[in-house]
Amino acid sequence: MNTPHINAPDGAIAKTILMPGDPLRAKYIADTFLTDVIQINEVRNMFGYTGNYNGKRITVMGSGMGMPSIGIYSYELYKFFGVEKIIRIGSCGAYSPELDLYDTVLVSEAYSESTYALVQSGENCNVLAASPVLNKELEDAAKRLNIPIHTGRIHSSDVFYRENPDFTVIFEKHNCIGVEMESFALFNNAKVLGKQAACLLTVSDSLVTHKVTTAEERQTAFTNMMKIALELAE
């Protein structure tokens, strides 16, 4: 069935989906890594594509920025399109001095001040975990590809531009090694609907060293996390 936000034909979406925030990153992945590609969504320019990776089927689709956006798309994909696994592949800012630009992070848990889980399902919590089975598959894929990864808790923030931010408090108090804006909502939806969710991130900037990457680099250069996630095509 179609929804107000996804107009995919019946059977066009694979059981496993990679979700970058940027729909142009979804297009880049489809153009660069997939064969026999079909476009499965263009509503609101939130592009989605299904194709084959090494002979196995997978879908890649943008999620937009922030928890409300990925909350809508992931819920509909899980609930109405039969998706079983969603792997968010996005960027993060580093809180930890051990992280450098382009490092790959596998998220074990997402900490957030957000009320997303409370409002969506009455879950009064501020930490949600990724799916252990899915994370193990991603760890194994990274080893096969000889790509080093960092694993840890991420800060899922509702706010990009904070007035007088002090990231060291969240880093030290909540053991968050970096910050992004989507995984807490994704993990909640997976938990509510009995599905699997994971999050792979590439460090795009550092709040410690103040190094940054460009918008073009964020769209096309974060290939290690893409290669790891694509290994889970079925």
Foldseek 3Di string as FASTA:
>chain_A
DADLFWQFDAPQADQEEEEEQDQLLQVLCCVPFFPPKDWGGCRVHFTKIWGDGVRFIHIYTYQHAFAVRVLVVLLCCVPPRNHFEYEYEYAWAFPDPVDDFLAKEWEQKEFEPDCLLCVPPNDPDGIFGADPVVSVLLVVLCVVVVHDYHYYYAYAYRDDDDDPDDCVCCCPVVVHGTYGHHVVSNRSSCVVSVHGYIYMYGYAAYPVVGDGHDPVCRSHVSCSSVSSSSVPGD
